[in-house]
C-alpha cells in the first residue's frame, strides 16, 4: 500500500464502484462520521470558543454552564455514564473496547436540534467578527460555509439560504416580555441568522469527514 491511499477523498467513481463496491481495494476513503468528542470540539472550534489550554483537571462536559475545554479533559464517571455519551456510542469505560460501534439513532439528531450547548455555539458562530462584520447576506453565507466546511456554497445552496433568511426575517415577531406579575422567564428565541447557523451545524457535511 502506497501513501497515496491515505490521501484519497470519499468521492465516488462509477467505474470503480462497479468493480469494487465494498472498497476492498481502497480506491477511495470510506466516509467517516465524527465521534462525539471530535464533534463537540469541532463545534467549539468553528464558533471560536474552543479552549486550547494544555493540562489541568478533568471537567464536566454535559452540564451547564458548559465548559469550553477540549473533550480530552472531560470527566468520565465509570459508574454513571451520561445518556448523551451513550447516545453517541461512547465506549464503555468498564471494559476493553477494541473498536467503537457506530449507530444512527433519533437522539443524535435531537441533540443537535435542541441542546443548549449546540444553540450556544450557533450564537457564537454568528457573532464571530469575520461573520458579524459582513453586511451582505450572500457574502455572510459564504463566510459561514468557509468556516464550517472549508469550501464555497454552490449556487443552489446560496439560493436556498437566502430564501430561508428572507422568509424567516419576514415571519419573525418580537419576543414577548413577561408581565410584571409573571415570574416565568420569557422563552428565548434565535435570530434568523442563528437558526440558519444551527441548521448548517446539523448537516451531514459538518459531522462527516470526506
N, C-alpha and C. Protein backbone atom coordinates (compact mmCIF):
# COMPACT_ATOMS: atom_id res chain seq x y z
N UNK A 1 0.84 -1.19 0.00
CA UNK A 1 0.00 0.00 0.00
C UNK A 1 0.88 1.25 0.00
N UNK A 2 0.60 2.17 -0.90
CA UNK A 2 1.36 3.40 -1.00
C UNK A 2 0.72 4.50 -0.15
N UNK A 3 1.48 5.55 0.13
CA UNK A 3 0.96 6.64 0.95
C UNK A 3 -0.21 7.35 0.27
N UNK A 4 -0.32 7.21 -1.05
CA UNK A 4 -1.42 7.85 -1.77
C UNK A 4 -2.77 7.32 -1.31
N UNK A 5 -2.78 6.11 -0.77
CA UNK A 5 -4.04 5.52 -0.29
C UNK A 5 -4.60 6.32 0.88
N UNK A 6 -3.74 6.99 1.62
CA UNK A 6 -4.19 7.78 2.77
C UNK A 6 -4.57 9.20 2.39
N UNK A 7 -4.46 9.54 1.11
CA UNK A 7 -4.78 10.88 0.64
C UNK A 7 -6.04 10.91 -0.22
N UNK A 8 -6.76 9.80 -0.22
CA UNK A 8 -7.96 9.72 -1.04
C UNK A 8 -9.10 10.52 -0.43
N UNK A 9 -10.01 10.97 -1.27
CA UNK A 9 -11.27 11.54 -0.80
C UNK A 9 -12.33 10.44 -0.83
N UNK A 10 -13.51 10.76 -0.33
CA UNK A 10 -14.58 9.77 -0.33
C UNK A 10 -15.47 9.88 -1.56
N UNK A 11 -15.09 10.74 -2.51
CA UNK A 11 -15.89 10.91 -3.73
C UNK A 11 -15.94 9.60 -4.51
N UNK A 12 -17.11 9.27 -4.98
CA UNK A 12 -17.28 8.02 -5.70
C UNK A 12 -16.90 8.11 -7.16
N UNK A 13 -16.66 6.99 -7.75
CA UNK A 13 -16.39 6.87 -9.19
C UNK A 13 -17.16 5.65 -9.67
N UNK A 14 -18.08 5.86 -10.58
CA UNK A 14 -18.96 4.78 -11.03
C UNK A 14 -18.17 3.61 -11.60
N UNK A 15 -17.05 3.87 -12.24
CA UNK A 15 -16.25 2.79 -12.83
C UNK A 15 -15.69 1.88 -11.75
N UNK A 16 -15.12 2.49 -10.71
CA UNK A 16 -14.51 1.71 -9.64
C UNK A 16 -15.58 1.06 -8.75
N UNK A 17 -16.66 1.77 -8.54
CA UNK A 17 -17.73 1.23 -7.70
C UNK A 17 -18.33 -0.03 -8.31
N UNK A 18 -18.34 -0.11 -9.62
CA UNK A 18 -18.88 -1.29 -10.29
C UNK A 18 -17.97 -2.51 -10.09
N UNK A 19 -16.67 -2.26 -10.04
CA UNK A 19 -15.71 -3.36 -9.89
C UNK A 19 -15.52 -3.72 -8.42
N UNK A 20 -15.48 -2.72 -7.55
CA UNK A 20 -15.20 -2.94 -6.13
C UNK A 20 -16.16 -2.11 -5.28
N UNK A 21 -17.43 -2.51 -5.22
CA UNK A 21 -18.43 -1.71 -4.50
C UNK A 21 -18.17 -1.60 -3.00
N UNK A 22 -17.47 -2.56 -2.40
CA UNK A 22 -17.20 -2.54 -0.97
C UNK A 22 -15.87 -1.85 -0.63
N UNK A 23 -15.19 -1.34 -1.65
CA UNK A 23 -13.94 -0.60 -1.46
C UNK A 23 -12.87 -1.45 -0.78
N UNK A 24 -12.80 -2.69 -1.11
CA UNK A 24 -11.78 -3.56 -0.52
C UNK A 24 -10.38 -3.22 -1.01
N UNK A 25 -10.30 -2.64 -2.20
CA UNK A 25 -9.00 -2.27 -2.78
C UNK A 25 -8.59 -0.85 -2.43
N UNK A 26 -9.39 -0.19 -1.60
CA UNK A 26 -9.08 1.15 -1.10
C UNK A 26 -8.87 2.15 -2.23
N UNK A 27 -9.80 2.20 -3.18
CA UNK A 27 -9.72 3.17 -4.27
C UNK A 27 -10.30 4.53 -3.86
N UNK A 28 -10.90 4.59 -2.68
CA UNK A 28 -11.37 5.85 -2.11
C UNK A 28 -11.34 5.74 -0.59
N UNK A 29 -11.53 6.87 0.08
CA UNK A 29 -11.63 6.85 1.54
C UNK A 29 -13.06 6.52 1.92
N UNK A 30 -13.23 5.66 2.90
CA UNK A 30 -14.56 5.40 3.42
C UNK A 30 -15.02 6.61 4.23
N UNK A 31 -16.19 7.09 3.91
CA UNK A 31 -16.71 8.26 4.62
C UNK A 31 -16.85 7.94 6.10
N UNK A 32 -16.41 8.86 6.97
CA UNK A 32 -16.40 8.62 8.40
C UNK A 32 -17.15 9.73 9.13
N UNK A 33 -17.94 9.32 10.13
CA UNK A 33 -18.64 10.30 10.95
C UNK A 33 -17.79 10.63 12.17
N UNK A 34 -17.77 11.88 12.55
CA UNK A 34 -17.03 12.28 13.74
C UNK A 34 -17.61 11.61 14.98
N UNK A 35 -16.75 11.15 15.87
CA UNK A 35 -17.26 10.65 17.14
C UNK A 35 -17.68 11.85 18.00
N UNK A 36 -18.29 11.59 19.14
CA UNK A 36 -18.84 12.68 19.95
C UNK A 36 -17.78 13.68 20.36
N UNK A 37 -16.62 13.18 20.81
CA UNK A 37 -15.59 14.08 21.29
C UNK A 37 -15.10 15.01 20.18
N UNK A 38 -14.85 14.45 18.99
CA UNK A 38 -14.38 15.27 17.88
C UNK A 38 -15.47 16.24 17.42
N UNK A 39 -16.72 15.79 17.42
CA UNK A 39 -17.82 16.67 17.01
C UNK A 39 -17.97 17.83 17.98
N UNK A 40 -17.89 17.54 19.29
CA UNK A 40 -18.01 18.59 20.29
C UNK A 40 -16.89 19.61 20.15
N UNK A 41 -15.66 19.13 19.98
CA UNK A 41 -14.53 20.04 19.83
C UNK A 41 -14.66 20.86 18.55
N UNK A 42 -15.18 20.25 17.49
CA UNK A 42 -15.35 20.97 16.23
C UNK A 42 -16.41 22.06 16.36
N UNK A 43 -17.48 21.77 17.10
CA UNK A 43 -18.49 22.79 17.35
C UNK A 43 -17.88 24.01 18.06
N UNK A 44 -17.05 23.74 19.05
CA UNK A 44 -16.40 24.82 19.78
C UNK A 44 -15.38 25.55 18.91
N UNK A 45 -14.69 24.81 18.05
CA UNK A 45 -13.66 25.41 17.20
C UNK A 45 -14.27 26.38 16.18
N UNK A 46 -15.33 25.95 15.49
CA UNK A 46 -15.91 26.82 14.47
C UNK A 46 -16.63 28.02 15.08
N UNK A 47 -17.06 27.90 16.32
CA UNK A 47 -17.72 29.02 16.99
C UNK A 47 -16.71 29.98 17.60
N UNK A 48 -15.42 29.60 17.56
CA UNK A 48 -14.38 30.44 18.11
C UNK A 48 -14.26 30.36 19.62
N UNK A 49 -14.85 29.32 20.24
CA UNK A 49 -14.90 29.22 21.69
C UNK A 49 -14.01 28.12 22.28
N UNK A 50 -13.30 27.38 21.46
CA UNK A 50 -12.52 26.25 21.95
C UNK A 50 -11.34 26.73 22.80
N UNK A 51 -11.23 26.18 24.00
CA UNK A 51 -10.13 26.49 24.92
C UNK A 51 -8.99 25.52 24.63
N UNK A 52 -7.88 26.06 24.14
CA UNK A 52 -6.74 25.22 23.76
C UNK A 52 -5.71 25.07 24.86
N UNK A 53 -6.04 25.48 26.08
CA UNK A 53 -5.09 25.37 27.19
C UNK A 53 -4.72 23.91 27.42
N UNK A 54 -3.46 23.68 27.73
CA UNK A 54 -2.96 22.34 27.95
C UNK A 54 -2.92 22.03 29.44
N UNK A 55 -3.25 20.76 29.79
CA UNK A 55 -3.15 20.30 31.15
C UNK A 55 -4.28 20.78 32.04
N UNK A 56 -4.26 20.33 33.28
CA UNK A 56 -5.28 20.72 34.24
C UNK A 56 -6.20 19.57 34.58
N UNK A 57 -7.11 19.80 35.54
CA UNK A 57 -8.02 18.75 35.99
C UNK A 57 -9.12 18.46 34.97
N UNK A 58 -9.79 17.33 35.14
CA UNK A 58 -10.91 16.99 34.26
C UNK A 58 -12.09 17.90 34.56
N UNK A 59 -12.98 18.04 33.56
CA UNK A 59 -14.12 18.95 33.68
C UNK A 59 -15.39 18.24 33.25
N UNK A 60 -16.52 18.71 33.76
CA UNK A 60 -17.83 18.17 33.38
C UNK A 60 -18.20 18.71 32.00
N UNK A 61 -18.51 17.81 31.05
CA UNK A 61 -18.77 18.23 29.68
C UNK A 61 -20.25 18.43 29.37
N UNK A 62 -21.13 17.74 30.07
CA UNK A 62 -22.52 17.65 29.63
C UNK A 62 -23.49 18.51 30.41
N UNK A 63 -23.02 19.23 31.42
CA UNK A 63 -23.91 20.03 32.25
C UNK A 63 -23.57 21.50 32.13
N UNK A 64 -24.60 22.34 32.21
CA UNK A 64 -24.40 23.79 32.18
C UNK A 64 -23.88 24.28 33.53
N UNK A 65 -23.06 25.32 33.53
CA UNK A 65 -22.54 26.07 32.37
C UNK A 65 -21.50 25.23 31.63
N UNK A 66 -21.61 25.20 30.32
CA UNK A 66 -20.81 24.29 29.52
C UNK A 66 -19.36 24.77 29.43
N UNK A 67 -18.46 23.84 29.68
CA UNK A 67 -17.05 24.15 29.58
C UNK A 67 -16.63 24.24 28.11
N UNK A 68 -15.60 25.03 27.85
CA UNK A 68 -15.05 25.17 26.50
C UNK A 68 -13.73 24.42 26.35
N UNK A 69 -13.40 23.63 27.35
CA UNK A 69 -12.18 22.85 27.26
C UNK A 69 -12.35 21.69 26.29
N UNK A 70 -11.23 21.22 25.76
CA UNK A 70 -11.29 20.10 24.82
C UNK A 70 -11.84 18.85 25.49
N UNK A 71 -12.46 18.00 24.69
CA UNK A 71 -13.13 16.82 25.22
C UNK A 71 -12.17 15.84 25.87
N UNK A 72 -10.89 15.91 25.53
CA UNK A 72 -9.92 15.01 26.13
C UNK A 72 -9.83 15.24 27.64
N UNK A 73 -10.26 16.41 28.11
CA UNK A 73 -10.25 16.71 29.54
C UNK A 73 -11.61 16.45 30.19
N UNK A 74 -12.51 15.83 29.47
CA UNK A 74 -13.83 15.55 30.02
C UNK A 74 -13.80 14.51 31.13
N UNK A 75 -14.56 14.75 32.18
CA UNK A 75 -14.64 13.80 33.29
C UNK A 75 -15.58 12.66 32.94
N UNK A 76 -15.15 11.43 33.18
CA UNK A 76 -15.95 10.24 32.89
C UNK A 76 -16.20 9.48 34.20
N UNK A 77 -17.47 9.38 34.56
CA UNK A 77 -17.87 8.60 35.74
C UNK A 77 -18.15 7.18 35.26
N UNK A 78 -17.32 6.25 35.63
CA UNK A 78 -17.45 4.88 35.13
C UNK A 78 -18.73 4.21 35.59
N UNK A 79 -19.28 4.65 36.72
CA UNK A 79 -20.49 4.05 37.25
C UNK A 79 -21.77 4.77 36.80
N UNK A 80 -21.61 5.96 36.24
CA UNK A 80 -22.78 6.74 35.86
C UNK A 80 -22.49 7.51 34.58
N UNK A 81 -22.36 6.77 33.49
CA UNK A 81 -22.05 7.38 32.20
C UNK A 81 -23.26 8.17 31.69
N UNK A 82 -23.11 9.44 31.35
CA UNK A 82 -24.25 10.24 30.88
C UNK A 82 -24.93 9.63 29.67
N UNK A 83 -26.25 9.77 29.62
CA UNK A 83 -27.02 9.23 28.49
C UNK A 83 -26.58 9.85 27.17
N UNK A 84 -26.13 11.09 27.22
CA UNK A 84 -25.69 11.75 25.99
C UNK A 84 -24.54 10.99 25.35
N UNK A 85 -23.58 10.57 26.18
CA UNK A 85 -22.45 9.82 25.64
C UNK A 85 -22.89 8.46 25.12
N UNK A 86 -23.83 7.85 25.80
CA UNK A 86 -24.34 6.55 25.33
C UNK A 86 -25.04 6.71 23.98
N UNK A 87 -25.75 7.82 23.80
CA UNK A 87 -26.47 8.04 22.54
C UNK A 87 -25.51 8.17 21.36
N UNK A 88 -24.28 8.65 21.65
CA UNK A 88 -23.29 8.82 20.59
C UNK A 88 -22.24 7.71 20.61
N UNK A 89 -22.63 6.54 21.12
CA UNK A 89 -21.81 5.33 21.01
C UNK A 89 -20.47 5.42 21.74
N UNK A 90 -20.45 6.15 22.85
CA UNK A 90 -19.22 6.23 23.64
C UNK A 90 -18.88 4.84 24.17
N UNK A 91 -17.63 4.46 24.07
CA UNK A 91 -17.22 3.12 24.50
C UNK A 91 -17.37 2.98 26.01
N UNK A 92 -17.74 1.80 26.45
CA UNK A 92 -17.91 1.54 27.88
C UNK A 92 -16.57 1.71 28.60
N UNK A 93 -16.53 2.53 29.65
CA UNK A 93 -15.27 2.71 30.39
C UNK A 93 -14.96 1.55 31.32
N UNK A 94 -15.86 0.58 31.44
CA UNK A 94 -15.66 -0.54 32.36
C UNK A 94 -14.96 -1.73 31.72
N UNK A 95 -14.91 -1.75 30.40
CA UNK A 95 -14.33 -2.90 29.71
C UNK A 95 -13.40 -2.45 28.60
N UNK A 96 -12.60 -3.35 28.14
CA UNK A 96 -11.73 -3.07 26.99
C UNK A 96 -12.57 -3.10 25.71
N UNK A 97 -12.42 -2.08 24.89
CA UNK A 97 -13.20 -1.99 23.64
C UNK A 97 -12.23 -1.89 22.46
N UNK A 98 -12.13 -2.91 21.65
CA UNK A 98 -11.21 -2.87 20.50
C UNK A 98 -11.62 -1.85 19.46
N UNK A 99 -12.92 -1.54 19.39
CA UNK A 99 -13.39 -0.52 18.48
C UNK A 99 -14.72 0.03 18.99
N UNK A 100 -15.05 1.22 18.53
CA UNK A 100 -16.30 1.85 18.95
C UNK A 100 -17.38 1.55 17.92
N UNK A 101 -18.50 1.04 18.38
CA UNK A 101 -19.61 0.79 17.47
C UNK A 101 -20.24 2.11 17.05
N UNK A 102 -20.85 2.11 15.90
CA UNK A 102 -21.45 3.34 15.38
C UNK A 102 -22.90 3.08 15.01
N UNK A 103 -23.79 3.85 15.60
CA UNK A 103 -25.21 3.73 15.32
C UNK A 103 -25.76 5.08 14.87
N UNK A 104 -26.93 5.05 14.28
CA UNK A 104 -27.65 6.26 13.89
C UNK A 104 -29.03 6.19 14.53
N UNK A 105 -29.24 7.00 15.56
CA UNK A 105 -30.49 6.96 16.32
C UNK A 105 -31.06 8.37 16.42
N UNK A 106 -32.38 8.50 16.67
CA UNK A 106 -33.01 9.82 16.73
C UNK A 106 -32.41 10.74 17.79
N UNK A 107 -31.92 10.18 18.89
CA UNK A 107 -31.37 11.01 19.96
C UNK A 107 -30.20 11.87 19.48
N UNK A 108 -29.46 11.38 18.50
CA UNK A 108 -28.33 12.15 18.00
C UNK A 108 -28.79 13.41 17.29
N UNK A 109 -29.80 13.27 16.44
CA UNK A 109 -30.35 14.44 15.74
C UNK A 109 -31.04 15.38 16.71
N UNK A 110 -31.73 14.82 17.70
CA UNK A 110 -32.42 15.65 18.68
C UNK A 110 -31.43 16.47 19.51
N UNK A 111 -30.27 15.92 19.77
CA UNK A 111 -29.24 16.68 20.49
C UNK A 111 -28.82 17.90 19.68
N UNK A 112 -28.59 17.72 18.38
CA UNK A 112 -28.18 18.84 17.54
C UNK A 112 -29.29 19.87 17.38
N UNK A 113 -30.54 19.43 17.49
CA UNK A 113 -31.67 20.33 17.33
C UNK A 113 -32.00 21.11 18.59
N UNK A 114 -31.86 20.48 19.75
CA UNK A 114 -32.40 21.05 20.98
C UNK A 114 -31.39 21.35 22.07
N UNK A 115 -30.17 20.86 21.96
CA UNK A 115 -29.21 21.04 23.03
C UNK A 115 -28.85 22.51 23.23
N UNK A 116 -28.93 23.02 24.46
CA UNK A 116 -28.49 24.39 24.72
C UNK A 116 -27.02 24.60 24.34
N UNK A 117 -26.21 23.54 24.45
CA UNK A 117 -24.80 23.66 24.07
C UNK A 117 -24.66 23.98 22.59
N UNK A 118 -25.40 23.24 21.74
CA UNK A 118 -25.33 23.47 20.29
C UNK A 118 -25.89 24.85 19.95
N UNK A 119 -26.97 25.23 20.59
CA UNK A 119 -27.57 26.54 20.34
C UNK A 119 -26.59 27.65 20.71
N UNK A 120 -25.88 27.48 21.82
CA UNK A 120 -24.87 28.47 22.21
C UNK A 120 -23.79 28.61 21.13
N UNK A 121 -23.37 27.48 20.57
CA UNK A 121 -22.31 27.55 19.55
C UNK A 121 -22.82 28.20 18.27
N UNK A 122 -24.09 28.00 17.95
CA UNK A 122 -24.67 28.68 16.78
C UNK A 122 -24.65 30.19 16.98
N UNK A 123 -24.97 30.63 18.20
CA UNK A 123 -24.94 32.06 18.50
C UNK A 123 -23.52 32.62 18.41
N UNK A 124 -22.57 31.89 18.99
CA UNK A 124 -21.19 32.36 18.95
C UNK A 124 -20.66 32.37 17.51
N UNK A 125 -21.08 31.41 16.72
CA UNK A 125 -20.65 31.35 15.32
C UNK A 125 -21.09 32.61 14.57
N UNK A 126 -22.36 32.97 14.72
CA UNK A 126 -22.88 34.17 14.05
C UNK A 126 -22.21 35.42 14.60
N UNK A 127 -21.81 35.38 15.87
CA UNK A 127 -21.19 36.54 16.50
C UNK A 127 -19.71 36.68 16.22
N UNK A 128 -19.09 35.71 15.55
CA UNK A 128 -17.67 35.84 15.23
C UNK A 128 -17.43 37.10 14.40
N UNK A 129 -16.36 37.85 14.66
CA UNK A 129 -16.13 39.12 13.96
C UNK A 129 -16.15 38.99 12.45
N UNK A 130 -15.55 37.91 11.92
CA UNK A 130 -15.49 37.77 10.47
C UNK A 130 -16.85 37.47 9.85
N UNK A 131 -17.81 37.06 10.67
CA UNK A 131 -19.17 36.82 10.19
C UNK A 131 -20.06 38.03 10.44
N UNK A 132 -20.02 38.53 11.67
CA UNK A 132 -20.88 39.64 12.05
C UNK A 132 -20.57 40.92 11.28
N UNK A 133 -19.32 41.09 10.86
CA UNK A 133 -18.92 42.31 10.16
C UNK A 133 -19.37 42.34 8.71
N UNK A 134 -19.82 41.21 8.18
CA UNK A 134 -20.25 41.15 6.77
C UNK A 134 -21.71 41.53 6.68
N UNK A 135 -22.00 42.61 5.98
CA UNK A 135 -23.38 43.10 5.87
C UNK A 135 -24.16 42.40 4.76
N UNK A 136 -23.48 42.06 3.67
CA UNK A 136 -24.16 41.44 2.54
C UNK A 136 -24.53 40.00 2.88
N UNK A 137 -25.83 39.62 2.80
CA UNK A 137 -26.24 38.25 3.18
C UNK A 137 -25.52 37.16 2.40
N UNK A 138 -25.34 37.36 1.10
CA UNK A 138 -24.69 36.34 0.28
C UNK A 138 -23.24 36.13 0.72
N UNK A 139 -22.54 37.23 1.00
CA UNK A 139 -21.15 37.12 1.44
C UNK A 139 -21.07 36.51 2.84
N UNK A 140 -22.06 36.79 3.67
CA UNK A 140 -22.06 36.21 5.01
C UNK A 140 -22.28 34.70 4.94
N UNK A 141 -23.16 34.27 4.07
CA UNK A 141 -23.37 32.83 3.88
C UNK A 141 -22.07 32.17 3.43
N UNK A 142 -21.37 32.81 2.49
CA UNK A 142 -20.10 32.25 2.02
C UNK A 142 -19.09 32.16 3.16
N UNK A 143 -19.10 33.14 4.05
CA UNK A 143 -18.17 33.11 5.18
C UNK A 143 -18.51 31.96 6.12
N UNK A 144 -19.80 31.71 6.35
CA UNK A 144 -20.21 30.59 7.19
C UNK A 144 -19.79 29.26 6.56
N UNK A 145 -19.97 29.13 5.26
CA UNK A 145 -19.56 27.90 4.58
C UNK A 145 -18.05 27.72 4.66
N UNK A 146 -17.30 28.81 4.56
CA UNK A 146 -15.85 28.71 4.65
C UNK A 146 -15.42 28.23 6.03
N UNK A 147 -16.05 28.78 7.07
CA UNK A 147 -15.69 28.39 8.43
C UNK A 147 -16.09 26.97 8.75
N UNK A 148 -17.27 26.55 8.31
CA UNK A 148 -17.80 25.24 8.69
C UNK A 148 -17.30 24.12 7.80
N UNK A 149 -17.25 24.36 6.50
CA UNK A 149 -16.96 23.27 5.57
C UNK A 149 -15.64 23.44 4.81
N UNK A 150 -15.05 24.62 4.88
CA UNK A 150 -13.81 24.85 4.16
C UNK A 150 -13.98 24.95 2.67
N UNK A 151 -15.16 25.32 2.22
CA UNK A 151 -15.42 25.48 0.79
C UNK A 151 -16.52 26.52 0.58
N UNK A 152 -16.75 26.88 -0.67
CA UNK A 152 -17.76 27.88 -1.00
C UNK A 152 -19.12 27.24 -1.23
N UNK A 153 -20.16 27.98 -0.91
CA UNK A 153 -21.52 27.50 -1.17
C UNK A 153 -21.79 27.51 -2.67
N UNK A 154 -22.39 26.44 -3.18
CA UNK A 154 -22.75 26.39 -4.60
C UNK A 154 -24.00 27.23 -4.81
N UNK A 155 -24.30 27.62 -6.06
CA UNK A 155 -25.46 28.50 -6.31
C UNK A 155 -26.76 28.00 -5.70
N UNK A 156 -27.02 26.70 -5.76
CA UNK A 156 -28.27 26.16 -5.20
C UNK A 156 -28.31 26.35 -3.69
N UNK A 157 -27.18 26.12 -3.01
CA UNK A 157 -27.12 26.32 -1.56
C UNK A 157 -27.28 27.79 -1.19
N UNK A 158 -26.67 28.66 -2.01
CA UNK A 158 -26.80 30.09 -1.77
C UNK A 158 -28.24 30.55 -1.92
N UNK A 159 -28.89 30.09 -2.97
CA UNK A 159 -30.28 30.47 -3.21
C UNK A 159 -31.18 29.97 -2.09
N UNK A 160 -30.95 28.75 -1.64
CA UNK A 160 -31.75 28.18 -0.56
C UNK A 160 -31.56 28.97 0.74
N UNK A 161 -30.31 29.32 1.04
CA UNK A 161 -30.03 30.07 2.25
C UNK A 161 -30.67 31.45 2.23
N UNK A 162 -30.54 32.16 1.12
CA UNK A 162 -31.12 33.50 1.01
C UNK A 162 -32.64 33.45 1.09
N UNK A 163 -33.24 32.43 0.48
CA UNK A 163 -34.69 32.29 0.53
C UNK A 163 -35.16 32.05 1.96
N UNK A 164 -34.43 31.20 2.69
CA UNK A 164 -34.81 30.92 4.07
C UNK A 164 -34.70 32.17 4.93
N UNK A 165 -33.58 32.87 4.82
CA UNK A 165 -33.36 34.05 5.65
C UNK A 165 -34.40 35.13 5.38
N UNK A 166 -34.75 35.31 4.11
CA UNK A 166 -35.76 36.31 3.77
C UNK A 166 -37.11 35.93 4.36
N UNK A 167 -37.47 34.65 4.25
CA UNK A 167 -38.75 34.19 4.80
C UNK A 167 -38.75 34.25 6.32
N UNK A 168 -37.64 33.89 6.94
CA UNK A 168 -37.56 33.88 8.41
C UNK A 168 -37.63 35.29 8.97
N UNK A 169 -36.96 36.23 8.33
CA UNK A 169 -36.99 37.61 8.80
C UNK A 169 -38.38 38.22 8.64
N UNK A 170 -39.05 37.83 7.58
CA UNK A 170 -40.40 38.34 7.34
C UNK A 170 -41.38 37.78 8.37
N UNK A 171 -41.16 36.53 8.79
CA UNK A 171 -42.09 35.87 9.71
C UNK A 171 -41.75 36.11 11.17
N UNK A 172 -40.57 36.63 11.45
CA UNK A 172 -40.16 36.81 12.84
C UNK A 172 -40.99 37.88 13.51
N UNK A 173 -41.26 37.66 14.81
CA UNK A 173 -42.02 38.62 15.61
C UNK A 173 -41.23 38.96 16.85
N UNK A 174 -41.42 40.14 17.45
CA UNK A 174 -40.67 40.49 18.65
C UNK A 174 -40.92 39.50 19.78
N UNK A 175 -39.94 39.34 20.62
CA UNK A 175 -40.06 38.45 21.77
C UNK A 175 -41.01 39.09 22.79
N UNK A 176 -42.00 38.35 23.22
CA UNK A 176 -42.95 38.88 24.19
C UNK A 176 -42.29 38.99 25.56
N UNK A 177 -42.53 40.10 26.23
CA UNK A 177 -41.97 40.31 27.56
C UNK A 177 -42.96 39.85 28.63
N UNK A 178 -42.49 39.30 29.74
CA UNK A 178 -43.39 38.84 30.79
C UNK A 178 -44.07 40.02 31.47
N UNK A 179 -45.27 39.82 31.91
CA UNK A 179 -45.99 40.86 32.63
C UNK A 179 -45.37 41.03 34.01
N UNK A 180 -45.62 42.18 34.68
CA UNK A 180 -44.99 42.41 35.99
C UNK A 180 -45.26 41.32 37.01
N UNK A 181 -46.44 40.67 36.97
CA UNK A 181 -46.76 39.63 37.94
C UNK A 181 -46.36 38.25 37.51
N UNK A 182 -45.75 38.13 36.32
CA UNK A 182 -45.38 36.81 35.79
C UNK A 182 -43.95 36.50 36.20
N UNK A 183 -43.76 35.41 36.93
CA UNK A 183 -42.43 35.04 37.42
C UNK A 183 -41.68 34.15 36.44
N UNK A 184 -42.35 33.67 35.37
CA UNK A 184 -41.70 32.81 34.40
C UNK A 184 -40.88 33.65 33.42
N UNK A 185 -39.73 33.14 33.08
CA UNK A 185 -38.86 33.81 32.14
C UNK A 185 -39.38 33.65 30.72
N UNK A 186 -39.39 34.74 29.96
CA UNK A 186 -39.85 34.67 28.58
C UNK A 186 -38.95 33.75 27.78
N UNK A 187 -39.50 32.91 26.91
CA UNK A 187 -38.67 32.00 26.12
C UNK A 187 -37.74 32.76 25.18
N UNK A 188 -36.51 32.28 25.12
CA UNK A 188 -35.51 32.92 24.27
C UNK A 188 -35.66 32.43 22.84
N UNK A 189 -35.63 33.35 21.91
CA UNK A 189 -35.74 33.00 20.50
C UNK A 189 -34.43 33.29 19.79
N UNK A 190 -34.15 32.48 18.79
CA UNK A 190 -32.97 32.70 17.98
C UNK A 190 -33.30 33.64 16.83
N UNK A 191 -32.33 34.42 16.42
CA UNK A 191 -32.50 35.26 15.24
C UNK A 191 -32.48 34.37 14.00
N UNK A 192 -32.97 34.86 12.85
CA UNK A 192 -32.91 34.05 11.63
C UNK A 192 -31.50 33.57 11.30
N UNK A 193 -30.50 34.42 11.52
CA UNK A 193 -29.13 34.02 11.22
C UNK A 193 -28.65 32.94 12.17
N UNK A 194 -29.04 33.00 13.44
CA UNK A 194 -28.66 31.96 14.41
C UNK A 194 -29.34 30.64 14.08
N UNK A 195 -30.59 30.70 13.65
CA UNK A 195 -31.28 29.48 13.23
C UNK A 195 -30.60 28.87 12.02
N UNK A 196 -30.25 29.72 11.08
CA UNK A 196 -29.58 29.24 9.87
C UNK A 196 -28.23 28.61 10.20
N UNK A 197 -27.50 29.24 11.12
CA UNK A 197 -26.20 28.68 11.53
C UNK A 197 -26.38 27.32 12.19
N UNK A 198 -27.42 27.17 12.99
CA UNK A 198 -27.65 25.88 13.63
C UNK A 198 -27.99 24.80 12.60
N UNK A 199 -28.75 25.17 11.59
CA UNK A 199 -29.06 24.22 10.52
C UNK A 199 -27.79 23.75 9.84
N UNK A 200 -26.86 24.67 9.58
CA UNK A 200 -25.59 24.30 8.96
C UNK A 200 -24.78 23.38 9.88
N UNK A 201 -24.85 23.62 11.18
CA UNK A 201 -24.14 22.76 12.13
C UNK A 201 -24.74 21.36 12.20
N UNK A 202 -26.04 21.24 11.89
CA UNK A 202 -26.72 19.96 11.96
C UNK A 202 -26.53 19.11 10.71
N UNK A 203 -25.94 19.67 9.68
CA UNK A 203 -25.85 18.98 8.39
C UNK A 203 -24.87 17.82 8.43
N UNK A 204 -25.10 16.86 7.56
CA UNK A 204 -24.16 15.74 7.43
C UNK A 204 -22.79 16.22 6.98
N UNK A 205 -22.76 17.29 6.21
CA UNK A 205 -21.50 17.81 5.71
C UNK A 205 -20.60 18.27 6.85
N UNK A 206 -21.21 18.63 7.96
CA UNK A 206 -20.43 19.09 9.12
C UNK A 206 -19.92 17.93 9.96
N UNK A 207 -20.72 16.90 10.14
CA UNK A 207 -20.37 15.81 11.06
C UNK A 207 -19.70 14.63 10.37
N UNK A 208 -19.58 14.67 9.03
CA UNK A 208 -18.92 13.60 8.32
C UNK A 208 -17.63 14.12 7.69
N UNK A 209 -16.60 13.29 7.71
CA UNK A 209 -15.31 13.62 7.12
C UNK A 209 -15.23 13.00 5.74
N UNK A 210 -15.06 13.84 4.74
CA UNK A 210 -14.97 13.36 3.35
C UNK A 210 -13.52 13.31 2.87
